[in-house]
Amino acid sequence: MAIDNETVKKVAFLSCLKVEEDKLEATKEEFNKILNWIEELNEVNTDEVEPLISVNDLSLRMREDTVTAGNCKDEVLQNAPAAEYDYFAVPKVVE
């Protein structure tokens, strides 16, 4: 599957990327290289291959889940620059 300049422009628009006209040809070539690589990967027979969760066969050491500190709300809120109703108060970030 080959990509043309119009497809590059459409993908750039959908991805909210700005591709300059002088970079259009290089971007098209990069897209085509990526698609060729994907086609090569699709040729690999993976029918008998078991999916990997991780490349390492190690399991993490588990520790006891115990409460080491707690019930110190007032001490924690003393570190806050501002607090309201027993919570950290932060500036509004959503309009």
PDB file of N, CA and C in Angstrom:
ATOM      1  N   MET A   1       0.846  -1.167   0.000  1.00  0.00           N
ATOM      2  CA  MET A   1       0.000   0.000   0.000  1.00  0.00           C
ATOM      3  C   MET A   1       0.896   1.236   0.000  1.00  0.00           C
ATOM      4  N   ALA A   2       0.769   2.057  -1.003  1.00  0.00           N
ATOM      5  CA  ALA A   2       1.567   3.272  -1.104  1.00  0.00           C
ATOM      6  C   ALA A   2       0.708   4.475  -0.703  1.00  0.00           C
ATOM      7  N   ILE A   3       1.345   5.417  -0.054  1.00  0.00           N
ATOM      8  CA  ILE A   3       0.653   6.618   0.396  1.00  0.00           C
ATOM      9  C   ILE A   3       1.010   7.767  -0.537  1.00  0.00           C
ATOM     10  N   ASP A   4       0.019   8.570  -0.882  1.00  0.00           N
ATOM     11  CA  ASP A   4       0.255   9.740  -1.727  1.00  0.00           C
ATOM     12  C   ASP A   4       0.230  11.007  -0.867  1.00  0.00           C
ATOM     13  N   ASN A   5       0.500  12.138  -1.503  1.00  0.00           N
ATOM     14  CA  ASN A   5       0.575  13.408  -0.777  1.00  0.00           C
ATOM     15  C   ASN A   5      -0.743  13.790  -0.125  1.00  0.00           C
ATOM     16  N   GLU A   6      -1.858  13.480  -0.764  1.00  0.00           N
ATOM     17  CA  GLU A   6      -3.160  13.813  -0.183  1.00  0.00           C
ATOM     18  C   GLU A   6      -3.418  13.019   1.090  1.00  0.00           C
ATOM     19  N   THR A   7      -2.996  11.762   1.102  1.00  0.00           N
ATOM     20  CA  THR A   7      -3.154  10.946   2.306  1.00  0.00           C
ATOM     21  C   THR A   7      -2.281  11.478   3.434  1.00  0.00           C
ATOM     22  N   VAL A   8      -1.069  11.919   3.093  1.00  0.00           N
ATOM     23  CA  VAL A   8      -0.184  12.506   4.104  1.00  0.00           C
ATOM     24  C   VAL A   8      -0.838  13.745   4.708  1.00  0.00           C
ATOM     25  N   LYS A   9      -1.419  14.587   3.862  1.00  0.00           N
ATOM     26  CA  LYS A   9      -2.093  15.786   4.358  1.00  0.00           C
ATOM     27  C   LYS A   9      -3.267  15.431   5.256  1.00  0.00           C
ATOM     28  N   LYS A  10      -4.027  14.396   4.875  1.00  0.00           N
ATOM     29  CA  LYS A  10      -5.180  13.994   5.671  1.00  0.00           C
ATOM     30  C   LYS A  10      -4.749  13.441   7.030  1.00  0.00           C
ATOM     31  N   VAL A  11      -3.711  12.583   7.033  1.00  0.00           N
ATOM     32  CA  VAL A  11      -3.209  12.018   8.288  1.00  0.00           C
ATOM     33  C   VAL A  11      -2.652  13.129   9.177  1.00  0.00           C
ATOM     34  N   ALA A  12      -1.948  14.083   8.569  1.00  0.00           N
ATOM     35  CA  ALA A  12      -1.401  15.194   9.341  1.00  0.00           C
ATOM     36  C   ALA A  12      -2.529  16.014   9.957  1.00  0.00           C
ATOM     37  N   PHE A  13      -3.579  16.250   9.194  1.00  0.00           N
ATOM     38  CA  PHE A  13      -4.718  17.003   9.718  1.00  0.00           C
ATOM     39  C   PHE A  13      -5.384  16.265  10.866  1.00  0.00           C
ATOM     40  N   LEU A  14      -5.625  14.971  10.680  1.00  0.00           N
ATOM     41  CA  LEU A  14      -6.281  14.181  11.726  1.00  0.00           C
ATOM     42  C   LEU A  14      -5.413  14.057  12.975  1.00  0.00           C
ATOM     43  N   SER A  15      -4.083  14.104  12.794  1.00  0.00           N
ATOM     44  CA  SER A  15      -3.160  13.993  13.921  1.00  0.00           C
ATOM     45  C   SER A  15      -2.814  15.340  14.526  1.00  0.00           C
ATOM     46  N   CYS A  16      -3.408  16.401  13.973  1.00  0.00           N
ATOM     47  CA  CYS A  16      -3.117  17.772  14.417  1.00  0.00           C
ATOM     48  C   CYS A  16      -1.629  18.091  14.284  1.00  0.00           C
ATOM     49  N   LEU A  17      -1.024  17.618  13.193  1.00  0.00           N
ATOM     50  CA  LEU A  17       0.372  17.896  12.896  1.00  0.00           C
ATOM     51  C   LEU A  17       0.457  18.893  11.759  1.00  0.00           C
ATOM     52  N   LYS A  18       1.447  19.761  11.826  1.00  0.00           N
ATOM     53  CA  LYS A  18       1.659  20.714  10.751  1.00  0.00           C
ATOM     54  C   LYS A  18       2.823  20.213   9.909  1.00  0.00           C
ATOM     55  N   VAL A  19       2.537  19.828   8.669  1.00  0.00           N
ATOM     56  CA  VAL A  19       3.570  19.351   7.753  1.00  0.00           C
ATOM     57  C   VAL A  19       3.721  20.407   6.661  1.00  0.00           C
ATOM     58  N   GLU A  20       4.901  21.014   6.602  1.00  0.00           N
ATOM     59  CA  GLU A  20       5.169  22.036   5.602  1.00  0.00           C
ATOM     60  C   GLU A  20       5.205  21.397   4.222  1.00  0.00           C
ATOM     61  N   GLU A  21       4.909  22.186   3.201  1.00  0.00           N
ATOM     62  CA  GLU A  21       4.887  21.685   1.819  1.00  0.00           C
ATOM     63  C   GLU A  21       6.234  21.114   1.412  1.00  0.00           C
ATOM     64  N   ASP A  22       7.339  21.728   1.864  1.00  0.00           N
ATOM     65  CA  ASP A  22       8.659  21.224   1.475  1.00  0.00           C
ATOM     66  C   ASP A  22       9.018  19.925   2.199  1.00  0.00           C
ATOM     67  N   LYS A  23       8.320  19.591   3.268  1.00  0.00           N
ATOM     68  CA  LYS A  23       8.552  18.350   4.019  1.00  0.00           C
ATOM     69  C   LYS A  23       7.555  17.256   3.630  1.00  0.00           C
ATOM     70  N   LEU A  24       6.652  17.550   2.732  1.00  0.00           N
ATOM     71  CA  LEU A  24       5.587  16.608   2.375  1.00  0.00           C
ATOM     72  C   LEU A  24       6.145  15.340   1.743  1.00  0.00           C
ATOM     73  N   GLU A  25       7.091  15.502   0.838  1.00  0.00           N
ATOM     74  CA  GLU A  25       7.663  14.342   0.146  1.00  0.00           C
ATOM     75  C   GLU A  25       8.436  13.451   1.110  1.00  0.00           C
ATOM     76  N   ALA A  26       9.225  14.042   2.008  1.00  0.00           N
ATOM     77  CA  ALA A  26       9.983  13.256   2.981  1.00  0.00           C
ATOM     78  C   ALA A  26       9.043  12.527   3.943  1.00  0.00           C
ATOM     79  N   THR A  27       7.962  13.187   4.325  1.00  0.00           N
ATOM     80  CA  THR A  27       6.991  12.552   5.218  1.00  0.00           C
ATOM     81  C   THR A  27       6.302  11.388   4.516  1.00  0.00           C
ATOM     82  N   LYS A  28       5.988  11.566   3.249  1.00  0.00           N
ATOM     83  CA  LYS A  28       5.372  10.487   2.474  1.00  0.00           C
ATOM     84  C   LYS A  28       6.303   9.275   2.411  1.00  0.00           C
ATOM     85  N   GLU A  29       7.587   9.518   2.197  1.00  0.00           N
ATOM     86  CA  GLU A  29       8.556   8.420   2.148  1.00  0.00           C
ATOM     87  C   GLU A  29       8.656   7.706   3.495  1.00  0.00           C
ATOM     88  N   GLU A  30       8.632   8.478   4.585  1.00  0.00           N
ATOM     89  CA  GLU A  30       8.674   7.873   5.916  1.00  0.00           C
ATOM     90  C   GLU A  30       7.440   7.014   6.173  1.00  0.00           C
ATOM     91  N   PHE A  31       6.269   7.520   5.803  1.00  0.00           N
ATOM     92  CA  PHE A  31       5.036   6.738   5.960  1.00  0.00           C
ATOM     93  C   PHE A  31       5.119   5.446   5.167  1.00  0.00           C
ATOM     94  N   ASN A  32       5.625   5.520   3.950  1.00  0.00           N
ATOM     95  CA  ASN A  32       5.732   4.321   3.114  1.00  0.00           C
ATOM     96  C   ASN A  32       6.726   3.327   3.698  1.00  0.00           C
ATOM     97  N   LYS A  33       7.838   3.816   4.281  1.00  0.00           N
ATOM     98  CA  LYS A  33       8.784   2.922   4.942  1.00  0.00           C
ATOM     99  C   LYS A  33       8.117   2.203   6.115  1.00  0.00           C
ATOM    100  N   ILE A  34       7.337   2.956   6.893  1.00  0.00           N
ATOM    101  CA  ILE A  34       6.649   2.359   8.049  1.00  0.00           C
ATOM    102  C   ILE A  34       5.670   1.289   7.588  1.00  0.00           C
ATOM    103  N   LEU A  35       4.891   1.586   6.546  1.00  0.00           N
ATOM    104  CA  LEU A  35       3.925   0.598   6.041  1.00  0.00           C
ATOM    105  C   LEU A  35       4.618  -0.623   5.474  1.00  0.00           C
ATOM    106  N   ASN A  36       5.755  -0.445   4.803  1.00  0.00           N
ATOM    107  CA  ASN A  36       6.510  -1.599   4.301  1.00  0.00           C
ATOM    108  C   ASN A  36       7.015  -2.456   5.447  1.00  0.00           C
ATOM    109  N   TRP A  37       7.461  -1.819   6.511  1.00  0.00           N
ATOM    110  CA  TRP A  37       7.941  -2.566   7.667  1.00  0.00           C
ATOM    111  C   TRP A  37       6.804  -3.351   8.309  1.00  0.00           C
ATOM    112  N   ILE A  38       5.622  -2.750   8.384  1.00  0.00           N
ATOM    113  CA  ILE A  38       4.460  -3.445   8.941  1.00  0.00           C
ATOM    114  C   ILE A  38       4.084  -4.639   8.063  1.00  0.00           C
ATOM    115  N   GLU A  39       4.168  -4.472   6.749  1.00  0.00           N
ATOM    116  CA  GLU A  39       3.884  -5.598   5.849  1.00  0.00           C
ATOM    117  C   GLU A  39       4.875  -6.725   6.058  1.00  0.00           C
ATOM    118  N   GLU A  40       6.150  -6.388   6.301  1.00  0.00           N
ATOM    119  CA  GLU A  40       7.153  -7.419   6.591  1.00  0.00           C
ATOM    120  C   GLU A  40       6.813  -8.145   7.883  1.00  0.00           C
ATOM    121  N   LEU A  41       6.389  -7.403   8.897  1.00  0.00           N
ATOM    122  CA  LEU A  41       6.022  -8.032  10.170  1.00  0.00           C
ATOM    123  C   LEU A  41       4.812  -8.944  10.015  1.00  0.00           C
ATOM    124  N   ASN A  42       3.874  -8.562   9.144  1.00  0.00           N
ATOM    125  CA  ASN A  42       2.686  -9.381   8.932  1.00  0.00           C
ATOM    126  C   ASN A  42       3.016 -10.703   8.259  1.00  0.00           C
ATOM    127  N   GLU A  43       4.175 -10.806   7.593  1.00  0.00           N
ATOM    128  CA  GLU A  43       4.571 -12.051   6.939  1.00  0.00           C
ATOM    129  C   GLU A  43       5.109 -13.086   7.922  1.00  0.00           C
ATOM    130  N   VAL A  44       5.459 -12.655   9.122  1.00  0.00           N
ATOM    131  CA  VAL A  44       6.011 -13.560  10.126  1.00  0.00           C
ATOM    132  C   VAL A  44       4.895 -14.443  10.660  1.00  0.00           C
ATOM    133  N   ASN A  45       5.150 -15.749  10.688  1.00  0.00           N
ATOM    134  CA  ASN A  45       4.174 -16.697  11.188  1.00  0.00           C
ATOM    135  C   ASN A  45       4.240 -16.727  12.716  1.00  0.00           C
ATOM    136  N   THR A  46       3.168 -16.308  13.359  1.00  0.00           N
ATOM    137  CA  THR A  46       3.121 -16.275  14.823  1.00  0.00           C
ATOM    138  C   THR A  46       2.037 -17.195  15.380  1.00  0.00           C
ATOM    139  N   ASP A  47       1.626 -18.172  14.594  1.00  0.00           N
ATOM    140  CA  ASP A  47       0.541 -19.056  15.028  1.00  0.00           C
ATOM    141  C   ASP A  47       0.877 -19.832  16.288  1.00  0.00           C
ATOM    142  N   GLU A  48       2.097 -20.328  16.393  1.00  0.00           N
ATOM    143  CA  GLU A  48       2.494 -21.171  17.527  1.00  0.00           C
ATOM    144  C   GLU A  48       3.184 -20.379  18.629  1.00  0.00           C
ATOM    145  N   VAL A  49       3.211 -19.071  18.528  1.00  0.00           N
ATOM    146  CA  VAL A  49       3.925 -18.239  19.496  1.00  0.00           C
ATOM    147  C   VAL A  49       2.964 -17.797  20.593  1.00  0.00           C
ATOM    148  N   GLU A  50       3.380 -18.038  21.825  1.00  0.00           N
ATOM    149  CA  GLU A  50       2.564 -17.647  22.967  1.00  0.00           C
ATOM    150  C   GLU A  50       2.790 -16.164  23.271  1.00  0.00           C
ATOM    151  N   PRO A  51       1.744 -15.398  23.539  1.00  0.00           N
ATOM    152  CA  PRO A  51       1.916 -13.972  23.822  1.00  0.00           C
ATOM    153  C   PRO A  51       2.755 -13.743  25.076  1.00  0.00           C
ATOM    154  N   LEU A  52       3.570 -12.690  25.048  1.00  0.00           N
ATOM    155  CA  LEU A  52       4.412 -12.343  26.183  1.00  0.00           C
ATOM    156  C   LEU A  52       3.739 -11.286  27.047  1.00  0.00           C
ATOM    157  N   ILE A  53       3.849 -11.460  28.332  1.00  0.00           N
ATOM    158  CA  ILE A  53       3.428 -10.419  29.255  1.00  0.00           C
ATOM    159  C   ILE A  53       4.626  -9.511  29.509  1.00  0.00           C
ATOM    160  N   SER A  54       5.799 -10.106  29.606  1.00  0.00           N
ATOM    161  CA  SER A  54       7.024  -9.365  29.831  1.00  0.00           C
ATOM    162  C   SER A  54       8.173 -10.147  29.219  1.00  0.00           C
ATOM    163  N   VAL A  55       9.227  -9.448  28.847  1.00  0.00           N
ATOM    164  CA  VAL A  55      10.391 -10.153  28.307  1.00  0.00           C
ATOM    165  C   VAL A  55      11.219 -10.768  29.421  1.00  0.00           C
ATOM    166  N   ASN A  56      11.007 -10.342  30.647  1.00  0.00           N
ATOM    167  CA  ASN A  56      11.705 -10.906  31.801  1.00  0.00           C
ATOM    168  C   ASN A  56      10.818 -11.947  32.467  1.00  0.00           C
ATOM    169  N   ASP A  57      11.423 -13.030  32.870  1.00  0.00           N
ATOM    170  CA  ASP A  57      10.673 -14.091  33.542  1.00  0.00           C
ATOM    171  C   ASP A  57      10.766 -13.972  35.063  1.00  0.00           C
ATOM    172  N   LEU A  58      10.945 -12.774  35.543  1.00  0.00           N
ATOM    173  CA  LEU A  58      11.092 -12.570  36.977  1.00  0.00           C
ATOM    174  C   LEU A  58       9.771 -12.146  37.590  1.00  0.00           C
ATOM    175  N   SER A  59       9.575 -12.549  38.821  1.00  0.00           N
ATOM    176  CA  SER A  59       8.395 -12.069  39.530  1.00  0.00           C
ATOM    177  C   SER A  59       8.861 -11.115  40.630  1.00  0.00           C
ATOM    178  N   LEU A  60       8.054 -10.139  40.903  1.00  0.00           N
ATOM    179  CA  LEU A  60       8.408  -9.152  41.912  1.00  0.00           C
ATOM    180  C   LEU A  60       8.227  -9.724  43.314  1.00  0.00           C
ATOM    181  N   ARG A  61       9.131  -9.312  44.186  1.00  0.00           N
ATOM    182  CA  ARG A  61       9.000  -9.744  45.578  1.00  0.00           C
ATOM    183  C   ARG A  61       7.840  -8.996  46.207  1.00  0.00           C
ATOM    184  N   MET A  62       7.023  -9.696  46.940  1.00  0.00           N
ATOM    185  CA  MET A  62       5.872  -9.087  47.597  1.00  0.00           C
ATOM    186  C   MET A  62       6.253  -8.762  49.036  1.00  0.00           C
ATOM    187  N   ARG A  63       5.712  -7.668  49.532  1.00  0.00           N
ATOM    188  CA  ARG A  63       5.937  -7.305  50.926  1.00  0.00           C
ATOM    189  C   ARG A  63       4.593  -7.285  51.639  1.00  0.00           C
ATOM    190  N   GLU A  64       4.656  -7.342  52.917  1.00  0.00           N
ATOM    191  CA  GLU A  64       3.454  -7.293  53.722  1.00  0.00           C
ATOM    192  C   GLU A  64       2.803  -5.926  53.582  1.00  0.00           C
ATOM    193  N   ASP A  65       1.516  -5.903  53.364  1.00  0.00           N
ATOM    194  CA  ASP A  65       0.777  -4.659  53.210  1.00  0.00           C
ATOM    195  C   ASP A  65       0.264  -4.244  54.581  1.00  0.00           C
ATOM    196  N   THR A  66       1.062  -3.430  55.264  1.00  0.00           N
ATOM    197  CA  THR A  66       0.690  -3.001  56.603  1.00  0.00           C
ATOM    198  C   THR A  66       0.623  -1.475  56.657  1.00  0.00           C
ATOM    199  N   VAL A  67      -0.219  -0.971  57.503  1.00  0.00           N
ATOM    200  CA  VAL A  67      -0.340   0.463  57.707  1.00  0.00           C
ATOM    201  C   VAL A  67       0.777   0.892  58.648  1.00  0.00           C
ATOM    202  N   THR A  68       1.595   1.834  58.185  1.00  0.00           N
ATOM    203  CA  THR A  68       2.716   2.287  59.020  1.00  0.00           C
ATOM    204  C   THR A  68       2.462   3.655  59.629  1.00  0.00           C
ATOM    205  N   ALA A  69       1.579   4.437  59.012  1.00  0.00           N
ATOM    206  CA  ALA A  69       1.245   5.746  59.556  1.00  0.00           C
ATOM    207  C   ALA A  69      -0.167   6.070  59.109  1.00  0.00           C
ATOM    208  N   GLY A  70      -0.815   6.872  59.839  1.00  0.00           N
ATOM    209  CA  GLY A  70      -2.165   7.231  59.465  1.00  0.00           C
ATOM    210  C   GLY A  70      -2.808   8.108  60.510  1.00  0.00           C
ATOM    211  N   ASN A  71      -3.995   8.529  60.198  1.00  0.00           N
ATOM    212  CA  ASN A  71      -4.770   9.359  61.105  1.00  0.00           C
ATOM    213  C   ASN A  71      -3.996  10.611  61.518  1.00  0.00           C
ATOM    214  N   CYS A  72      -3.325  11.236  60.527  1.00  0.00           N
ATOM    215  CA  CYS A  72      -2.561  12.449  60.819  1.00  0.00           C
ATOM    216  C   CYS A  72      -2.964  13.552  59.842  1.00  0.00           C
ATOM    217  N   LYS A  73      -4.265  13.689  59.619  1.00  0.00           N
ATOM    218  CA  LYS A  73      -4.811  14.633  58.655  1.00  0.00           C
ATOM    219  C   LYS A  73      -4.356  16.048  58.960  1.00  0.00           C
ATOM    220  N   ASP A  74      -4.403  16.456  60.206  1.00  0.00           N
ATOM    221  CA  ASP A  74      -4.047  17.826  60.563  1.00  0.00           C
ATOM    222  C   ASP A  74      -2.572  18.111  60.287  1.00  0.00           C
ATOM    223  N   GLU A  75      -1.714  17.147  60.563  1.00  0.00           N
ATOM    224  CA  GLU A  75      -0.282  17.321  60.296  1.00  0.00           C
ATOM    225  C   GLU A  75      -0.007  17.425  58.801  1.00  0.00           C
ATOM    226  N   VAL A  76      -0.710  16.642  58.008  1.00  0.00           N
ATOM    227  CA  VAL A  76      -0.524  16.675  56.557  1.00  0.00           C
ATOM    228  C   VAL A  76      -1.025  17.993  55.996  1.00  0.00           C
ATOM    229  N   LEU A  77      -2.156  18.455  56.447  1.00  0.00           N
ATOM    230  CA  LEU A  77      -2.714  19.706  55.938  1.00  0.00           C
ATOM    231  C   LEU A  77      -1.887  20.922  56.323  1.00  0.00           C
ATOM    232  N   GLN A  78      -1.022  20.800  57.336  1.00  0.00           N
ATOM    233  CA  GLN A  78      -0.129  21.906  57.686  1.00  0.00           C
ATOM    234  C   GLN A  78       0.885  22.160  56.566  1.00  0.00           C
ATOM    235  N   ASN A  79       1.151  21.152  55.741  1.00  0.00           N
ATOM    236  CA  ASN A  79       2.087  21.295  54.621  1.00  0.00           C
ATOM    237  C   ASN A  79       1.436  21.945  53.405  1.00  0.00           C
ATOM    238  N   ALA A  80       0.129  22.043  53.400  1.00  0.00           N
ATOM    239  CA  ALA A  80      -0.578  22.575  52.239  1.00  0.00           C
ATOM    240  C   ALA A  80      -0.459  24.090  52.206  1.00  0.00           C
ATOM    241  N   PRO A  81      -0.246  24.656  50.983  1.00  0.00           N
ATOM    242  CA  PRO A  81      -0.240  26.116  50.878  1.00  0.00           C
ATOM    243  C   PRO A  81      -1.604  26.709  51.209  1.00  0.00           C
ATOM    244  N   ALA A  82      -2.664  25.956  50.904  1.00  0.00           N
ATOM    245  CA  ALA A  82      -4.025  26.397  51.217  1.00  0.00           C
ATOM    246  C   ALA A  82      -4.881  25.153  51.448  1.00  0.00           C
ATOM    247  N   ALA A  83      -5.800  25.253  52.401  1.00  0.00           N
ATOM    248  CA  ALA A  83      -6.689  24.135  52.698  1.00  0.00           C
ATOM    249  C   ALA A  83      -8.087  24.672  52.945  1.00  0.00           C
ATOM    250  N   GLU A  84      -9.064  23.890  52.485  1.00  0.00           N
ATOM    251  CA  GLU A  84     -10.470  24.218  52.718  1.00  0.00           C
ATOM    252  C   GLU A  84     -11.224  22.942  53.044  1.00  0.00           C
ATOM    253  N   TYR A  85     -12.038  22.974  54.039  1.00  0.00           N
ATOM    254  CA  TYR A  85     -12.897  21.842  54.425  1.00  0.00           C
ATOM    255  C   TYR A  85     -12.090  20.553  54.591  1.00  0.00           C
ATOM    256  N   ASP A  86     -10.941  20.645  55.204  1.00  0.00           N
ATOM    257  CA  ASP A  86     -10.064  19.497  55.459  1.00  0.00           C
ATOM    258  C   ASP A  86      -9.520  18.847  54.194  1.00  0.00           C
ATOM    259  N   TYR A  87      -9.364  19.613  53.105  1.00  0.00           N
ATOM    260  CA  TYR A  87      -8.773  19.148  51.849  1.00  0.00           C
ATOM    261  C   TYR A  87      -7.745  20.159  51.370  1.00  0.00           C
ATOM    262  N   PHE A  88      -6.806  19.695  50.538  1.00  0.00           N
ATOM    263  CA  PHE A  88      -5.878  20.617  49.885  1.00  0.00           C
ATOM    264  C   PHE A  88      -6.674  21.499  48.932  1.00  0.00           C
ATOM    265  N   ALA A  89      -6.402  22.787  48.929  1.00  0.00           N
ATOM    266  CA  ALA A  89      -7.050  23.713  48.007  1.00  0.00           C
ATOM    267  C   ALA A  89      -6.030  24.054  46.910  1.00  0.00           C
ATOM    268  N   VAL A  90      -6.443  23.898  45.673  1.00  0.00           N
ATOM    269  CA  VAL A  90      -5.566  24.148  44.536  1.00  0.00           C
ATOM    270  C   VAL A  90      -6.241  25.108  43.584  1.00  0.00           C
ATOM    271  N   PRO A  91      -5.472  25.816  42.742  1.00  0.00           N
ATOM    272  CA  PRO A  91      -6.097  26.725  41.789  1.00  0.00           C
ATOM    273  C   PRO A  91      -6.908  25.965  40.747  1.00  0.00           C
ATOM    274  N   LYS A  92      -7.949  26.594  40.271  1.00  0.00           N
ATOM    275  CA  LYS A  92      -8.793  26.002  39.244  1.00  0.00           C
ATOM    276  C   LYS A  92      -8.014  25.950  37.935  1.00  0.00           C
ATOM    277  N   VAL A  93      -7.977  24.784  37.277  1.00  0.00           N
ATOM    278  CA  VAL A  93      -7.223  24.631  36.031  1.00  0.00           C
ATOM    279  C   VAL A  93      -8.127  24.406  34.836  1.00  0.00           C
ATOM    280  N   VAL A  94      -9.402  24.178  35.051  1.00  0.00           N
ATOM    281  CA  VAL A  94     -10.340  23.955  33.966  1.00  0.00           C
ATOM    282  C   VAL A  94     -11.280  25.151  33.896  1.00  0.00           C
ATOM    283  N   GLU A  95     -11.407  25.712  32.711  1.00  0.00           N
ATOM    284  CA  GLU A  95     -12.293  26.869  32.539  1.00  0.00           C
ATOM    285  C   GLU A  95     -13.724  26.405  32.432  1.00  0.00           C
TER     286      GLU A  95
END
